[in-house]
Amino acid sequence: MNELLFALFLMAGFLLGTLLFGHLFYFTAISLPNLIKNSGSSTFGATAIEMMRKVFPLLIWIVLSVSLVLVINNYFSFYIKLFYCGLAIAFIFSVSGFKRVTGR
């Protein structure tokens, strides 16, 4: 059972981190600059609606990740380091993908 929980918390951190960092880097590197470029030709209301459509998934993942960290911290405190390791691995993969996409 310990091996199952070990793998579960490591993979949960990795998957949640991939989704969270992926949305964050996509929003800051690709979506937000395109929205700023296109905002000159459209109205403010259309730009605001488009911005909310882009920000809403990121907010959902932030709320989900904070609630998951609180649950893990309260009920599975001995597995929190594994969860954070999964998040760190996802962050490394997201940064390398971000560098590859932006060419920096």
Protein backbone atom coordinates (compact mmCIF):
# COMPACT_ATOMS: atom_id res chain seq x y z
CA MET A 1 0.00 0.00 0.00
CA ASN A 2 2.87 2.38 0.73
CA GLU A 3 4.26 1.89 -2.78
CA LEU A 4 0.87 2.71 -4.27
CA LEU A 5 0.59 5.93 -2.24
CA PHE A 6 4.19 6.80 -3.13
CA ALA A 7 3.45 6.53 -6.85
CA LEU A 8 0.04 8.18 -6.52
CA PHE A 9 1.29 11.32 -4.80
CA LEU A 10 4.32 11.65 -7.05
CA MET A 11 2.17 11.33 -10.17
CA ALA A 12 -0.55 13.61 -8.77
CA GLY A 13 2.04 16.33 -8.19
CA PHE A 14 3.50 15.83 -11.64
CA LEU A 15 0.15 15.87 -13.44
CA LEU A 16 -1.21 18.84 -11.53
CA GLY A 17 2.06 20.72 -11.98
CA THR A 18 2.07 19.99 -15.70
CA LEU A 19 -1.43 21.36 -16.09
CA LEU A 20 -0.84 24.37 -13.85
CA PHE A 21 2.54 25.39 -15.26
CA GLY A 22 1.47 24.56 -18.80
CA HIS A 23 -1.51 26.90 -18.55
CA LEU A 24 0.60 29.58 -16.90
CA PHE A 25 3.38 29.51 -19.49
CA TYR A 26 0.96 29.25 -22.41
CA PHE A 27 -0.98 32.22 -21.09
CA THR A 28 2.06 34.41 -20.48
CA ALA A 29 4.07 33.47 -23.59
CA ILE A 30 1.52 32.93 -26.32
CA SER A 31 -2.02 33.88 -25.42
CA LEU A 32 -1.50 37.21 -23.63
CA PRO A 33 0.82 38.75 -26.27
CA ASN A 34 -1.59 37.73 -29.05
CA LEU A 35 -4.49 39.21 -27.11
CA ILE A 36 -2.60 42.49 -26.64
CA LYS A 37 -1.74 42.64 -30.36
CA ASN A 38 -5.34 42.03 -31.39
CA SER A 39 -6.89 44.38 -28.80
CA GLY A 40 -6.21 47.44 -30.95
CA SER A 41 -8.67 46.35 -33.61
CA SER A 42 -11.51 45.16 -31.36
CA THR A 43 -13.71 46.76 -28.72
CA PHE A 44 -12.93 46.74 -25.01
CA GLY A 45 -15.84 44.42 -24.20
CA ALA A 46 -14.68 41.79 -26.68
CA THR A 47 -11.13 42.04 -25.35
CA ALA A 48 -12.32 41.67 -21.74
CA ILE A 49 -14.43 38.62 -22.60
CA GLU A 50 -11.53 37.04 -24.46
CA MET A 51 -9.23 37.74 -21.49
CA MET A 52 -11.67 36.07 -19.09
CA ARG A 53 -11.85 33.02 -21.37
CA LYS A 54 -8.06 32.76 -21.23
CA VAL A 55 -7.67 33.40 -17.48
CA PHE A 56 -10.54 31.19 -16.25
CA PRO A 57 -8.78 27.79 -16.74
CA LEU A 58 -5.69 29.08 -14.96
CA LEU A 59 -7.78 30.23 -11.99
CA ILE A 60 -9.51 26.85 -11.83
CA TRP A 61 -6.16 25.04 -11.71
CA ILE A 62 -4.81 27.39 -9.05
CA VAL A 63 -7.85 26.83 -6.82
CA LEU A 64 -7.65 23.07 -7.41
CA SER A 65 -3.94 22.94 -6.63
CA VAL A 66 -4.29 25.00 -3.44
CA SER A 67 -7.13 22.82 -2.21
CA LEU A 68 -5.21 19.65 -3.08
CA VAL A 69 -2.11 20.88 -1.24
CA LEU A 70 -4.24 21.69 1.82
CA VAL A 71 -5.86 18.23 1.77
CA ILE A 72 -2.51 16.49 1.35
CA ASN A 73 -0.93 18.64 4.05
CA ASN A 74 -3.72 17.93 6.55
CA TYR A 75 -4.37 14.25 5.92
CA PHE A 76 -1.25 12.89 4.21
CA SER A 77 1.49 15.11 5.62
CA PHE A 78 4.17 12.44 5.23
CA TYR A 79 3.59 12.41 1.44
CA ILE A 80 3.74 16.19 0.88
CA LYS A 81 7.42 16.05 -0.11
CA LEU A 82 6.61 13.56 -2.86
CA PHE A 83 3.86 15.82 -4.11
CA TYR A 84 6.25 18.77 -4.18
CA CYS A 85 8.85 16.65 -6.00
CA GLY A 86 6.24 15.91 -8.66
CA LEU A 87 5.51 19.63 -8.94
CA ALA A 88 9.22 20.41 -9.28
CA ILE A 89 9.67 17.83 -12.03
CA ALA A 90 6.67 19.28 -13.86
CA PHE A 91 8.12 22.76 -13.49
CA ILE A 92 11.40 21.63 -15.06
CA PHE A 93 9.58 20.06 -18.00
CA SER A 94 7.39 23.15 -18.43
CA VAL A 95 10.37 25.53 -18.38
CA SER A 96 12.21 23.46 -20.98
CA GLY A 97 9.11 23.41 -23.17
CA PHE A 98 8.65 27.14 -22.67
CA LYS A 99 12.22 27.80 -23.76
CA ARG A 100 11.79 25.59 -26.80
CA VAL A 101 8.57 27.33 -27.88
CA THR A 102 9.73 30.91 -27.30
CA GLY A 103 13.27 30.36 -28.53
CA ARG A 104 14.88 31.97 -25.46
